[in-house]
Amino acid sequence: IDIVLDHEPLSDEARSQLETALRRALNTVDLTDVLGQLMRATNDDERRRALDVGDALREAVDDVREGYPNAAFTVDSLPPATVFANDLLDSVFANVLKNAVVHGDRDRPSIAVAGAADDECVTVRIADDGPGIADDRKSVVFGKGAKGLGSPGT
């Protein structure tokens, strides 16, 4: 689809339909990846282990940056911090970063990633320059099981 979009003369309607098909195909791939990760994470063989939060964040930023080259990522201080988790930690970070890009309203969205840690707590901050969520919608959006229109629900 990308090749056709980039190299073939298309009517506006045909271009729109192909872009919709591409978006849906990419959402299907993402959803399939997430389902696979969830299945692995709930498998008894997928045990939690010590993971470095900074490494997981850097890997997620690199993965998302590759898929969204128009986005500008800034990674600030990520102190060494180990948490007890499974591979879903990477997926959570990647999902939040992707949402920051996809739901932004700029041609070149900016996303800043930072972290802090003490003896008992690790704090990760991911901020973007998107429009944000209206206060009256936050309880709905951040409620358990909530997902946006057209979201595969990751």
N, C-alpha and C. Protein backbone atom coordinates (compact mmCIF):
# COMPACT_ATOMS: atom_id res chain seq x y z
N ILE A 1 0.84 -1.19 0.00
CA ILE A 1 0.00 0.00 0.00
C ILE A 1 0.88 1.25 0.00
N ASP A 2 1.93 1.23 0.82
CA ASP A 2 2.84 2.37 0.87
C ASP A 2 3.42 2.69 -0.50
N ILE A 3 3.80 1.65 -1.24
CA ILE A 3 4.40 1.85 -2.56
C ILE A 3 3.40 2.51 -3.50
N VAL A 4 2.17 2.03 -3.48
CA VAL A 4 1.15 2.61 -4.34
C VAL A 4 0.90 4.07 -3.94
N LEU A 5 0.80 4.34 -2.64
CA LEU A 5 0.56 5.70 -2.17
C LEU A 5 1.69 6.64 -2.58
N ASP A 6 2.92 6.13 -2.55
CA ASP A 6 4.08 6.98 -2.84
C ASP A 6 4.36 7.15 -4.32
N HIS A 7 3.95 6.18 -5.15
CA HIS A 7 4.43 6.20 -6.54
C HIS A 7 3.35 6.18 -7.61
N GLU A 8 2.11 6.10 -7.24
CA GLU A 8 1.06 6.03 -8.26
C GLU A 8 0.17 7.26 -8.19
N PRO A 9 -0.23 7.79 -9.35
CA PRO A 9 -1.21 8.88 -9.33
C PRO A 9 -2.58 8.33 -8.90
N LEU A 10 -3.17 8.96 -7.90
CA LEU A 10 -4.43 8.47 -7.35
C LEU A 10 -5.42 9.62 -7.20
N SER A 11 -6.69 9.30 -7.34
CA SER A 11 -7.72 10.29 -7.03
C SER A 11 -7.74 10.49 -5.52
N ASP A 12 -8.32 11.59 -5.07
CA ASP A 12 -8.41 11.86 -3.63
C ASP A 12 -9.15 10.74 -2.92
N GLU A 13 -10.22 10.25 -3.55
CA GLU A 13 -11.01 9.18 -2.94
C GLU A 13 -10.20 7.89 -2.82
N ALA A 14 -9.48 7.53 -3.88
CA ALA A 14 -8.66 6.31 -3.86
C ALA A 14 -7.55 6.43 -2.83
N ARG A 15 -6.91 7.60 -2.76
CA ARG A 15 -5.85 7.83 -1.78
C ARG A 15 -6.41 7.69 -0.36
N SER A 16 -7.55 8.28 -0.12
CA SER A 16 -8.18 8.20 1.20
C SER A 16 -8.51 6.76 1.58
N GLN A 17 -9.03 5.99 0.63
CA GLN A 17 -9.36 4.59 0.91
C GLN A 17 -8.11 3.76 1.19
N LEU A 18 -7.05 4.00 0.43
CA LEU A 18 -5.80 3.28 0.67
C LEU A 18 -5.18 3.67 2.01
N GLU A 19 -5.24 4.94 2.36
CA GLU A 19 -4.70 5.38 3.65
C GLU A 19 -5.49 4.74 4.79
N THR A 20 -6.80 4.65 4.63
CA THR A 20 -7.63 3.98 5.65
C THR A 20 -7.26 2.50 5.75
N ALA A 21 -7.09 1.84 4.62
CA ALA A 21 -6.70 0.42 4.62
C ALA A 21 -5.34 0.23 5.29
N LEU A 22 -4.40 1.12 4.99
CA LEU A 22 -3.08 1.02 5.60
C LEU A 22 -3.16 1.21 7.11
N ARG A 23 -3.91 2.22 7.54
CA ARG A 23 -4.06 2.47 8.98
C ARG A 23 -4.66 1.26 9.67
N ARG A 24 -5.68 0.69 9.07
CA ARG A 24 -6.33 -0.48 9.68
C ARG A 24 -5.40 -1.69 9.70
N ALA A 25 -4.64 -1.87 8.65
CA ALA A 25 -3.68 -2.98 8.62
C ALA A 25 -2.63 -2.81 9.71
N LEU A 26 -2.12 -1.59 9.86
CA LEU A 26 -1.12 -1.34 10.89
C LEU A 26 -1.71 -1.52 12.28
N ASN A 27 -2.96 -1.10 12.48
CA ASN A 27 -3.62 -1.33 13.77
C ASN A 27 -3.78 -2.81 14.05
N THR A 28 -4.10 -3.59 13.03
CA THR A 28 -4.23 -5.04 13.18
C THR A 28 -2.90 -5.66 13.58
N VAL A 29 -1.83 -5.23 12.94
CA VAL A 29 -0.50 -5.74 13.29
C VAL A 29 -0.17 -5.38 14.73
N ASP A 30 -0.42 -4.12 15.12
CA ASP A 30 -0.16 -3.71 16.51
C ASP A 30 -0.98 -4.53 17.49
N LEU A 31 -2.25 -4.72 17.20
CA LEU A 31 -3.12 -5.48 18.09
C LEU A 31 -2.65 -6.92 18.21
N THR A 32 -2.24 -7.52 17.11
CA THR A 32 -1.72 -8.89 17.12
C THR A 32 -0.47 -8.97 17.98
N ASP A 33 0.42 -7.99 17.85
CA ASP A 33 1.63 -7.95 18.68
C ASP A 33 1.27 -7.86 20.16
N VAL A 34 0.33 -6.98 20.49
CA VAL A 34 -0.06 -6.80 21.89
C VAL A 34 -0.69 -8.07 22.43
N LEU A 35 -1.55 -8.70 21.65
CA LEU A 35 -2.17 -9.95 22.11
C LEU A 35 -1.13 -11.03 22.36
N GLY A 36 -0.15 -11.11 21.48
CA GLY A 36 0.94 -12.07 21.68
C GLY A 36 1.71 -11.78 22.95
N GLN A 37 1.97 -10.51 23.21
CA GLN A 37 2.68 -10.13 24.43
C GLN A 37 1.85 -10.47 25.67
N LEU A 38 0.55 -10.20 25.61
CA LEU A 38 -0.32 -10.52 26.74
C LEU A 38 -0.38 -12.02 26.98
N MET A 39 -0.45 -12.80 25.91
CA MET A 39 -0.48 -14.25 26.07
C MET A 39 0.82 -14.75 26.71
N ARG A 40 1.94 -14.20 26.26
CA ARG A 40 3.23 -14.60 26.84
C ARG A 40 3.31 -14.17 28.31
N ALA A 41 2.82 -12.97 28.61
CA ALA A 41 2.91 -12.45 29.97
C ALA A 41 2.04 -13.23 30.95
N THR A 42 0.93 -13.77 30.47
CA THR A 42 0.06 -14.53 31.36
C THR A 42 0.42 -16.01 31.41
N ASN A 43 1.36 -16.41 30.60
CA ASN A 43 1.84 -17.78 30.60
C ASN A 43 2.66 -18.02 31.87
N ASP A 44 2.46 -19.13 32.51
CA ASP A 44 3.20 -19.44 33.74
C ASP A 44 4.70 -19.43 33.52
N ASP A 45 5.14 -19.72 32.30
CA ASP A 45 6.58 -19.73 32.03
C ASP A 45 7.17 -18.32 31.95
N GLU A 46 6.32 -17.31 31.77
CA GLU A 46 6.79 -15.93 31.66
C GLU A 46 6.84 -15.32 33.07
N ARG A 47 7.92 -15.55 33.72
CA ARG A 47 8.09 -15.09 35.10
C ARG A 47 8.58 -13.65 35.14
N ARG A 48 8.19 -12.99 36.19
CA ARG A 48 8.74 -11.65 36.40
C ARG A 48 10.18 -11.78 36.84
N ARG A 49 10.94 -10.75 36.48
CA ARG A 49 12.36 -10.75 36.82
C ARG A 49 12.81 -9.31 36.99
N ALA A 50 14.02 -9.14 37.44
CA ALA A 50 14.56 -7.79 37.62
C ALA A 50 14.85 -7.18 36.25
N LEU A 51 14.28 -6.00 35.99
CA LEU A 51 14.49 -5.29 34.73
C LEU A 51 14.91 -3.86 35.03
N ASP A 52 15.82 -3.34 34.24
CA ASP A 52 16.25 -1.96 34.38
C ASP A 52 15.25 -1.05 33.66
N VAL A 53 14.64 -0.13 34.40
CA VAL A 53 13.62 0.76 33.84
C VAL A 53 14.21 1.63 32.74
N GLY A 54 15.41 2.16 32.96
CA GLY A 54 16.05 3.01 31.96
C GLY A 54 16.28 2.28 30.65
N ASP A 55 16.73 1.03 30.74
CA ASP A 55 16.94 0.24 29.52
C ASP A 55 15.62 0.01 28.79
N ALA A 56 14.58 -0.32 29.55
CA ALA A 56 13.26 -0.57 28.94
C ALA A 56 12.74 0.70 28.27
N LEU A 57 12.91 1.85 28.91
CA LEU A 57 12.46 3.11 28.32
C LEU A 57 13.24 3.46 27.06
N ARG A 58 14.56 3.33 27.14
CA ARG A 58 15.39 3.65 25.97
C ARG A 58 15.02 2.75 24.78
N GLU A 59 14.81 1.48 25.05
CA GLU A 59 14.43 0.54 23.99
C GLU A 59 13.08 0.91 23.39
N ALA A 60 12.13 1.27 24.24
CA ALA A 60 10.80 1.67 23.75
C ALA A 60 10.90 2.95 22.91
N VAL A 61 11.69 3.92 23.37
CA VAL A 61 11.86 5.16 22.60
C VAL A 61 12.48 4.85 21.25
N ASP A 62 13.51 4.02 21.23
CA ASP A 62 14.16 3.66 19.96
C ASP A 62 13.18 2.99 19.00
N ASP A 63 12.37 2.07 19.53
CA ASP A 63 11.39 1.36 18.68
C ASP A 63 10.35 2.32 18.11
N VAL A 64 9.82 3.19 18.96
CA VAL A 64 8.78 4.12 18.51
C VAL A 64 9.38 5.17 17.58
N ARG A 65 10.57 5.64 17.89
CA ARG A 65 11.25 6.63 17.03
C ARG A 65 11.42 6.07 15.61
N GLU A 66 11.74 4.79 15.52
CA GLU A 66 11.91 4.15 14.21
C GLU A 66 10.60 4.16 13.42
N GLY A 67 9.50 3.93 14.10
CA GLY A 67 8.20 3.90 13.43
C GLY A 67 7.59 5.26 13.16
N TYR A 68 8.07 6.28 13.88
CA TYR A 68 7.54 7.63 13.73
C TYR A 68 8.70 8.62 13.61
N PRO A 69 9.37 8.62 12.46
CA PRO A 69 10.55 9.48 12.31
C PRO A 69 10.24 10.97 12.36
N ASN A 70 8.97 11.35 12.22
CA ASN A 70 8.61 12.77 12.29
C ASN A 70 8.53 13.28 13.73
N ALA A 71 8.54 12.39 14.70
CA ALA A 71 8.44 12.79 16.11
C ALA A 71 9.83 13.07 16.68
N ALA A 72 9.89 14.06 17.56
CA ALA A 72 11.15 14.42 18.22
C ALA A 72 11.10 13.92 19.67
N PHE A 73 11.98 13.00 19.98
CA PHE A 73 12.05 12.44 21.33
C PHE A 73 13.25 13.00 22.07
N THR A 74 13.03 13.39 23.32
CA THR A 74 14.11 13.83 24.19
C THR A 74 14.11 12.90 25.40
N VAL A 75 15.25 12.28 25.66
CA VAL A 75 15.36 11.40 26.82
C VAL A 75 16.29 12.07 27.81
N ASP A 76 15.72 12.49 28.95
CA ASP A 76 16.51 13.14 29.99
C ASP A 76 17.02 12.09 30.96
N SER A 77 17.23 12.50 32.16
CA SER A 77 17.84 11.62 33.15
C SER A 77 17.02 10.35 33.36
N LEU A 78 17.70 9.24 33.23
CA LEU A 78 17.12 7.94 33.54
C LEU A 78 18.08 7.23 34.48
N PRO A 79 17.93 7.45 35.78
CA PRO A 79 18.87 6.85 36.72
C PRO A 79 18.74 5.33 36.70
N PRO A 80 19.82 4.65 37.06
CA PRO A 80 19.72 3.19 37.13
C PRO A 80 18.67 2.81 38.17
N ALA A 81 17.71 2.04 37.75
CA ALA A 81 16.65 1.61 38.67
C ALA A 81 16.13 0.26 38.19
N THR A 82 16.05 -0.68 39.09
CA THR A 82 15.60 -2.02 38.75
C THR A 82 14.22 -2.25 39.36
N VAL A 83 13.32 -2.82 38.56
CA VAL A 83 11.99 -3.18 39.04
C VAL A 83 11.77 -4.66 38.75
N PHE A 84 10.79 -5.22 39.43
CA PHE A 84 10.43 -6.62 39.25
C PHE A 84 9.24 -6.65 38.29
N ALA A 85 9.45 -7.09 37.05
CA ALA A 85 8.40 -7.03 36.03
C ALA A 85 8.65 -8.10 34.96
N ASN A 86 7.74 -8.16 33.99
CA ASN A 86 7.95 -9.03 32.84
C ASN A 86 8.05 -8.16 31.59
N ASP A 87 8.03 -8.78 30.43
CA ASP A 87 8.24 -8.05 29.19
C ASP A 87 7.12 -7.08 28.84
N LEU A 88 6.01 -7.14 29.54
CA LEU A 88 4.94 -6.16 29.30
C LEU A 88 5.39 -4.75 29.65
N LEU A 89 6.40 -4.60 30.48
CA LEU A 89 6.90 -3.27 30.82
C LEU A 89 7.30 -2.52 29.56
N ASP A 90 8.03 -3.18 28.67
CA ASP A 90 8.42 -2.56 27.40
C ASP A 90 7.19 -2.16 26.60
N SER A 91 6.19 -3.02 26.58
CA SER A 91 4.97 -2.74 25.81
C SER A 91 4.20 -1.55 26.37
N VAL A 92 4.15 -1.45 27.68
CA VAL A 92 3.46 -0.32 28.31
C VAL A 92 4.14 0.98 27.90
N PHE A 93 5.46 1.03 28.02
CA PHE A 93 6.18 2.24 27.64
C PHE A 93 5.97 2.56 26.16
N ALA A 94 6.08 1.56 25.30
CA ALA A 94 5.92 1.79 23.86
C ALA A 94 4.51 2.29 23.55
N ASN A 95 3.51 1.74 24.22
CA ASN A 95 2.13 2.16 23.98
C ASN A 95 1.91 3.62 24.37
N VAL A 96 2.42 4.02 25.52
CA VAL A 96 2.27 5.41 25.95
C VAL A 96 2.98 6.35 24.98
N LEU A 97 4.18 5.97 24.55
CA LEU A 97 4.93 6.79 23.60
C LEU A 97 4.21 6.89 22.25
N LYS A 98 3.69 5.78 21.76
CA LYS A 98 2.95 5.81 20.49
C LYS A 98 1.72 6.70 20.61
N ASN A 99 1.01 6.59 21.73
CA ASN A 99 -0.17 7.44 21.93
C ASN A 99 0.20 8.91 21.92
N ALA A 100 1.34 9.25 22.49
CA ALA A 100 1.79 10.64 22.51
C ALA A 100 1.98 11.16 21.08
N VAL A 101 2.49 10.31 20.21
CA VAL A 101 2.71 10.71 18.81
C VAL A 101 1.39 10.74 18.05
N VAL A 102 0.64 9.66 18.12
CA VAL A 102 -0.56 9.50 17.31
C VAL A 102 -1.64 10.51 17.69
N HIS A 103 -1.77 10.82 18.96
CA HIS A 103 -2.83 11.73 19.40
C HIS A 103 -2.36 13.18 19.46
N GLY A 104 -1.14 13.44 19.03
CA GLY A 104 -0.66 14.81 18.97
C GLY A 104 -1.30 15.54 17.80
N ASP A 105 -1.25 16.85 17.85
CA ASP A 105 -1.87 17.64 16.78
C ASP A 105 -0.85 18.46 16.00
N ARG A 106 0.39 18.03 16.03
CA ARG A 106 1.45 18.75 15.33
C ARG A 106 2.08 17.87 14.26
N ASP A 107 2.67 18.52 13.26
CA ASP A 107 3.37 17.77 12.22
C ASP A 107 4.60 17.06 12.78
N ARG A 108 5.24 17.70 13.75
CA ARG A 108 6.43 17.11 14.39
C ARG A 108 6.21 17.15 15.91
N PRO A 109 5.51 16.16 16.43
CA PRO A 109 5.26 16.14 17.88
C PRO A 109 6.55 15.96 18.67
N SER A 110 6.59 16.58 19.84
CA SER A 110 7.73 16.47 20.75
C SER A 110 7.33 15.67 21.97
N ILE A 111 8.15 14.70 22.32
CA ILE A 111 7.89 13.85 23.47
C ILE A 111 9.13 13.85 24.34
N ALA A 112 8.96 14.16 25.62
CA ALA A 112 10.08 14.18 26.57
C ALA A 112 9.91 13.02 27.55
N VAL A 113 10.99 12.30 27.78
CA VAL A 113 10.99 11.15 28.68
C VAL A 113 12.02 11.39 29.77
N ALA A 114 11.62 11.18 31.01
CA ALA A 114 12.55 11.35 32.13
C ALA A 114 12.15 10.37 33.23
N GLY A 115 13.05 10.17 34.15
CA GLY A 115 12.78 9.28 35.25
C GLY A 115 13.51 9.71 36.51
N ALA A 116 13.03 9.21 37.62
CA ALA A 116 13.67 9.46 38.91
C ALA A 116 13.47 8.20 39.75
N ALA A 117 14.37 8.00 40.68
CA ALA A 117 14.26 6.81 41.53
C ALA A 117 14.82 7.11 42.90
N ASP A 118 14.22 6.49 43.90
CA ASP A 118 14.80 6.48 45.23
C ASP A 118 14.80 5.03 45.70
N ASP A 119 15.01 4.80 46.97
CA ASP A 119 15.11 3.42 47.46
C ASP A 119 13.81 2.62 47.32
N GLU A 120 12.67 3.31 47.25
CA GLU A 120 11.40 2.60 47.25
C GLU A 120 10.54 2.80 46.01
N CYS A 121 10.86 3.78 45.19
CA CYS A 121 9.95 4.14 44.11
C CYS A 121 10.69 4.57 42.85
N VAL A 122 10.15 4.19 41.71
CA VAL A 122 10.65 4.65 40.42
C VAL A 122 9.52 5.46 39.78
N THR A 123 9.85 6.66 39.34
CA THR A 123 8.87 7.52 38.67
C THR A 123 9.32 7.74 37.24
N VAL A 124 8.42 7.50 36.31
CA VAL A 124 8.68 7.73 34.89
C VAL A 124 7.74 8.84 34.44
N ARG A 125 8.31 9.84 33.75
CA ARG A 125 7.50 10.94 33.23
C ARG A 125 7.61 10.95 31.70
N ILE A 126 6.47 10.90 31.05
CA ILE A 126 6.42 11.02 29.60
C ILE A 126 5.47 12.18 29.31
N ALA A 127 6.02 13.23 28.71
CA ALA A 127 5.24 14.43 28.41
C ALA A 127 5.29 14.72 26.92
N ASP A 128 4.20 15.27 26.40
CA ASP A 128 4.18 15.62 24.98
C ASP A 128 3.54 16.99 24.80
N ASP A 129 3.63 17.52 23.60
CA ASP A 129 3.07 18.84 23.31
C ASP A 129 1.73 18.75 22.58
N GLY A 130 1.04 17.64 22.77
CA GLY A 130 -0.27 17.46 22.16
C GLY A 130 -1.34 18.25 22.90
N PRO A 131 -2.58 18.13 22.45
CA PRO A 131 -3.66 18.93 23.02
C PRO A 131 -4.07 18.52 24.42
N GLY A 132 -3.69 17.35 24.85
CA GLY A 132 -4.09 16.90 26.18
C GLY A 132 -5.53 16.40 26.19
N ILE A 133 -5.97 16.04 27.36
CA ILE A 133 -7.32 15.50 27.53
C ILE A 133 -8.09 16.47 28.42
N ALA A 134 -9.26 16.85 27.99
CA ALA A 134 -10.09 17.77 28.77
C ALA A 134 -10.36 17.18 30.14
N ASP A 135 -10.36 18.04 31.16
CA ASP A 135 -10.55 17.58 32.54
C ASP A 135 -11.82 16.75 32.71
N ASP A 136 -12.90 17.14 32.04
CA ASP A 136 -14.15 16.41 32.20
C ASP A 136 -14.14 15.04 31.51
N ARG A 137 -13.11 14.72 30.74
CA ARG A 137 -12.99 13.42 30.07
C ARG A 137 -11.98 12.50 30.74
N LYS A 138 -11.16 13.02 31.64
CA LYS A 138 -10.07 12.22 32.20
C LYS A 138 -10.54 10.98 32.93
N SER A 139 -11.60 11.07 33.70
CA SER A 139 -12.06 9.88 34.44
C SER A 139 -12.55 8.81 33.48
N VAL A 140 -13.12 9.21 32.36
CA VAL A 140 -13.58 8.25 31.36
C VAL A 140 -12.40 7.64 30.62
N VAL A 141 -11.47 8.50 30.18
CA VAL A 141 -10.33 8.04 29.39
C VAL A 141 -9.41 7.15 30.20
N PHE A 142 -9.17 7.51 31.45
CA PHE A 142 -8.23 6.75 32.26
C PHE A 142 -8.90 5.67 33.10
N GLY A 143 -10.19 5.46 32.90
CA GLY A 143 -10.89 4.40 33.62
C GLY A 143 -10.46 3.03 33.12
N LYS A 144 -10.63 2.04 33.96
CA LYS A 144 -10.24 0.68 33.61
C LYS A 144 -10.98 0.23 32.35
N GLY A 145 -10.21 -0.27 31.39
CA GLY A 145 -10.79 -0.80 30.16
C GLY A 145 -11.16 0.25 29.14
N ALA A 146 -10.87 1.52 29.43
CA ALA A 146 -11.22 2.59 28.49
C ALA A 146 -10.31 2.56 27.27
N LYS A 147 -10.88 2.91 26.13
CA LYS A 147 -10.09 3.04 24.91
C LYS A 147 -10.76 4.09 24.03
N GLY A 148 -9.96 4.69 23.19
CA GLY A 148 -10.47 5.73 22.31
C GLY A 148 -11.20 5.15 21.11
N LEU A 149 -11.91 6.03 20.42
CA LEU A 149 -12.59 5.61 19.20
C LEU A 149 -11.55 5.15 18.20
N GLY A 150 -11.75 4.02 17.61
CA GLY A 150 -10.81 3.51 16.62
C GLY A 150 -9.55 2.90 17.22
N SER A 151 -9.47 2.85 18.55
CA SER A 151 -8.29 2.27 19.20
C SER A 151 -8.46 0.77 19.32
N PRO A 152 -7.36 0.02 19.08
CA PRO A 152 -7.47 -1.42 19.29
C PRO A 152 -7.51 -1.78 20.77
N GLY A 153 -7.39 -0.76 21.64
CA GLY A 153 -7.52 -1.00 23.07
C GLY A 153 -6.27 -1.46 23.76
N THR A 154 -5.11 -1.06 23.27
CA THR A 154 -3.86 -1.51 23.88
C THR A 154 -3.53 -0.69 25.09
